[in-house]
Protein backbone atom coordinates (compact mmCIF):
# COMPACT_ATOMS: atom_id res chain seq x y z
CA MET A 1 -4.91 -27.74 87.92
CA ASP A 2 -3.03 -25.76 85.67
CA GLU A 3 -5.49 -24.82 82.87
CA ASN A 4 -3.48 -25.91 79.93
CA ALA A 5 -3.02 -29.24 81.21
CA THR A 6 -5.08 -32.20 78.97
CA THR A 7 -3.79 -34.82 81.69
CA ASP A 8 -7.50 -36.81 82.38
CA ILE A 9 -7.21 -36.54 86.09
CA ALA A 10 -8.83 -39.88 86.65
CA THR A 11 -6.03 -41.47 85.24
CA LEU A 12 -3.25 -40.31 87.55
CA PRO A 13 -2.05 -42.73 90.29
CA GLY A 14 -4.11 -43.32 92.89
CA PHE A 15 -7.30 -41.48 92.13
CA ALA A 16 -8.85 -44.53 92.35
CA HIS A 17 -8.25 -45.36 95.72
CA PHE A 18 -10.52 -42.19 96.82
CA THR A 19 -13.54 -42.19 97.48
CA PRO A 20 -16.45 -41.21 94.78
CA GLU A 21 -17.18 -38.10 96.79
CA PHE A 22 -13.45 -37.08 97.01
CA GLN A 23 -12.93 -37.88 93.19
CA ALA A 24 -15.70 -35.57 91.86
CA LEU A 25 -14.26 -32.38 94.16
CA LEU A 26 -10.68 -33.34 92.70
CA LYS A 27 -12.23 -33.24 88.93
CA ARG A 28 -14.23 -29.95 89.76
CA ASP A 29 -10.89 -28.31 91.04
CA ALA A 30 -9.79 -30.02 87.41
CA ASP A 31 -12.20 -28.14 86.01
CA GLY A 32 -11.73 -24.94 87.42
CA ASP A 33 -14.06 -24.27 90.24
CA ASP A 34 -12.91 -21.79 92.51
CA ALA A 35 -15.20 -23.08 95.26
CA THR A 36 -14.00 -26.40 95.16
CA ARG A 37 -9.96 -25.16 95.76
CA ALA A 38 -10.14 -23.45 98.46
CA ASP A 39 -11.97 -26.70 99.93
CA LEU A 40 -9.47 -28.99 98.63
CA LEU A 41 -6.83 -26.55 100.13
CA GLU A 42 -7.93 -27.04 103.54
CA MET A 43 -8.86 -30.70 103.62
CA THR A 44 -5.28 -31.44 101.73
CA GLN A 45 -3.69 -28.90 104.48
CA GLN A 46 -5.82 -31.46 107.46
CA ALA A 47 -4.44 -34.32 105.55
CA VAL A 48 -1.00 -33.77 105.23
CA ALA A 49 -0.56 -32.56 108.60
CA LEU A 50 -2.20 -35.31 109.62
CA LEU A 51 0.60 -37.91 107.89
CA ALA A 52 3.73 -35.40 109.00
CA GLU A 53 2.22 -35.83 112.76
CA LEU A 54 2.67 -39.94 112.01
CA GLU A 55 5.92 -39.45 110.63
CA LEU A 56 4.56 -41.07 107.25
CA LEU A 57 5.61 -37.57 105.14
CA GLN A 58 9.26 -36.67 104.50
CA PHE A 59 10.59 -34.48 101.76
CA VAL A 60 13.96 -35.32 99.85
CA TYR A 61 15.95 -33.39 97.23
CA LEU A 62 17.24 -36.00 94.72
CA PRO A 63 19.90 -34.40 92.38
CA THR A 64 19.06 -34.17 88.48
CA ASP A 65 21.33 -35.85 86.37
CA ASP A 66 22.88 -32.77 85.63
CA ASP A 67 23.45 -32.60 89.25
CA ALA A 68 23.91 -36.24 90.44
CA VAL A 69 26.79 -37.16 92.72
CA ASP A 70 28.43 -39.94 91.76
CA GLU A 71 26.65 -41.95 89.38
CA ASP A 72 27.95 -45.45 91.02
CA GLU A 73 27.19 -43.81 93.95
CA GLU A 74 23.31 -46.00 95.26
CA ASP A 75 22.26 -42.84 97.64
CA GLU A 76 22.36 -40.19 95.70
CA ASP A 77 19.73 -38.21 98.48
CA VAL A 78 20.96 -34.65 98.37
CA ALA A 79 19.21 -33.36 101.41
CA TRP A 80 16.37 -34.50 103.86
CA PHE A 81 13.60 -32.41 105.45
CA SER A 82 11.44 -32.83 107.84
CA VAL A 83 8.02 -31.85 107.68
CA ASP A 84 6.77 -29.81 110.87
CA GLY A 85 4.39 -27.86 109.37
CA VAL A 86 1.80 -27.49 107.43
CA GLU A 87 0.29 -24.54 105.93
CA ILE A 88 -1.81 -22.68 103.09
CA ASP A 89 0.06 -20.80 100.84
CA GLU A 90 -2.83 -18.00 99.45
CA GLU A 91 -0.70 -15.98 97.12
CA ARG A 92 0.44 -19.54 95.48
CA ASP A 93 -3.03 -21.26 95.79
CA ALA A 94 -1.40 -24.50 97.54
CA VAL A 95 -0.50 -26.58 100.64
CA MET A 96 2.45 -25.41 101.87
CA LEU A 97 5.43 -28.03 104.13
CA ILE A 98 7.09 -26.33 106.59
CA GLY A 99 10.30 -27.99 107.74
CA ASP A 100 13.88 -28.31 108.62
CA VAL A 101 16.76 -30.28 107.01
CA THR A 102 17.59 -33.20 109.01
CA HIS A 103 19.99 -35.09 106.75
CA LEU A 104 22.39 -33.49 104.58
CA TYR A 105 25.05 -35.54 102.43
CA GLY A 106 27.76 -34.38 99.90
CA GLY A 107 26.53 -32.92 97.06
CA PRO A 108 26.18 -29.73 94.55
CA ILE A 109 24.34 -28.01 96.95
CA THR A 110 25.43 -25.81 99.31
CA LEU A 111 22.84 -24.44 102.79
CA GLU A 112 24.10 -22.09 105.05
CA GLY A 113 23.63 -22.64 108.61
CA VAL A 114 22.40 -26.12 108.24
CA ASP A 115 22.89 -28.94 110.75
CA ASP A 116 25.68 -31.24 108.97
CA GLY A 117 25.73 -33.73 111.54
CA HIS A 118 28.93 -32.58 113.78
CA ASP A 119 29.04 -32.15 117.25
CA HIS A 120 29.62 -28.19 117.21
CA GLU A 121 28.69 -26.78 120.76
CA GLY A 122 28.38 -30.26 122.50
CA HIS A 123 24.93 -31.48 120.67
CA ASP A 124 25.10 -34.73 119.62
CA HIS A 125 23.72 -34.66 116.10
CA ASP A 126 22.95 -38.52 114.82
CA HIS A 127 21.34 -37.90 111.42
CA GLY A 128 22.57 -41.52 109.91
CA GLY A 129 24.05 -41.72 106.42
CA THR A 130 27.25 -39.66 105.18
CA PRO A 131 27.02 -36.18 106.26
CA ALA A 132 28.57 -33.66 104.04
CA PRO A 133 31.99 -32.20 105.23
């Protein structure tokens, strides 16, 4: 955690759902214990990889108020990403999700080389939703 953070980790959503042993690890990490951080990164990588394998985890880019596609639009999602891999990024000291864009909706971003859901080379790309033009 950020050394300047003032949030009591025990008050964060979901904290109470962890075992007392895991809560103690999280508290030690929040207090700056580097050895605990390394253990937690490996545990996090394994847990997230399991959730991704079970397809319980996806990543979506939601526009901010400044980027909003249309305020009257119910579905303002811009891009959905699969989670195909999970690795520890030692430089950033964090777990990194690796994946591909699976759905791209009209919005304020341009992603070159992203599958837009159209049949370009005889491949059927049925991603649902309304693909970007």
